[in-house]
Amino acid sequence: MDEQRKLSRRGLIGAAAATAAATTLGPFSSDAAAQGGALLPRDRIGIQLYTIRDQVDALGFEAVFARLAQIGYKEVEFAGYSAQGRRWSNAELRNLLAKYGLRAIGSHVGYTGSYSFTSSLNQVLADAVEIGMPYVGTASSPAERYGQSVDGYQRAAKDFNHFGTVARTRGLKFYQHNHFSEFEVQNGTRLFNVLLDNTDPELVFFEQDIFWAHVGQSDFPGFRPHEYPWNMPERFPLFHVKDGIRNGGPHEGWTMTDVGAGDIAFEPYFCGLNPLNHQFLMENDDAAQEVGGSFADAERGDDYMASLRERHA
C-alpha cells in the first residue's frame, strides 16, 4: 500500500467510524466523549516493545527509550528484558524508564518454559515489582499447556486464577493476551468465553489485541470484538492497538500495517469506554518491514493514536 492510499484510507475509516459511533449507543458512555470527544489521553498511549524489537536488539534499551520519549510515548510494555546479547538488570531498566519519563505498564512472559509463569512464578513477579509495572501477563495460548479444547481451557483457567492470586499478593494484576485461536468454537462453545467464565474477575484480566480479535472474528464468526470490553470494561484494562488489511496476507489471510492505515476502525472500541481506566499500546509485529523501518512505524502509530484524541477535541 502506498503512502497516499494509507492516508486516504485513514481519513475515510476515521470519518465512517466516528459517524457509526455517534449513531450507535454502546452500554457505556465515555467521560472523554462528554468533554468534546477526546478519545485517548496522551499519558495512556504506549507501545509494545516487540514492535521495535530489532532496534532493542541493535541499540539497547537506553537508546530505544530515548527515541520513544522523543516520539511522545508515555508507556511501554516489555517483551523480554534482554538486548544486545545480555539480560538487563531490573534496576537498570527502572532507572532508564525514570530517566526518559516512561512508565512500564506490563510485560509479556511465557506460560510455559524456562522463564515462565508455570516454572518460575515468584521470579516473574519479583522482576515485575522491581521494574515497577502494575500488570504482568502472558501472550501464550492456553493450548500451549493443555491443548485446544474446552477442557484444556478450563484447566488453563485454574492456572490463571492461581497466577492472579499470587500476583495480587505482590500488588500486581495478571492478564492474558489473545491471538486468534482463542475465539474458536467447539461444540457450540467459544473457547475465549471458557476463560472468561472460569476465571475470577478480581484476579484475571485481559489484554485485547484488536487485530487478532478481528482475525478470530473472520475465522470464527458470531461475535463482535469490541463488545467484550464494552460489556466487561473492568476485565479489559489493556489494548493492543494493531491494524491490518484482510487481503489474503500471511496472518490467517490478513496483512499487518501501520495503525490507522488498515481495515479496522478503532473509534467503536474507544468511544464506549472511559479511557482513564485503560491503556492503549500500539503494536505491529511486522513494523521492521514498513516504510522507514520500525521506529518510523512506531512514530506513525503514535501520531494516529494521538490524532484520535485531538480530532474530536
Foldseek 3Di string as FASTA:
>chain_A
DDPVLLVVLLVVLQVVVVVVLVVDDFPFFAPLVVVQQQFADLLQEAAECLLVVVCCQVPNDLVVLQLCLVLRHAEYEYAAQDHVHDRDALQVLLVSCVVSNHYYAEYAAACDDPTHCVNCLPVQLVSCVSNPHQEYEHADDLCVPQHLDLVSLLVVLVSQQVSQVVSVVSNHAYEYEYAQSQQDADPNRRNVVSSVVNHDLVRYAYEYEPVRPVLNCVVHNDDDVLVVCSVVVSRHQHYAQWAWEQCCDDRSNIDTDQRSRYDDRCCVNRSSDHNVSHHYHYHDSPQQPDVPGSSVSVSSNSVSSSCSSVVRD
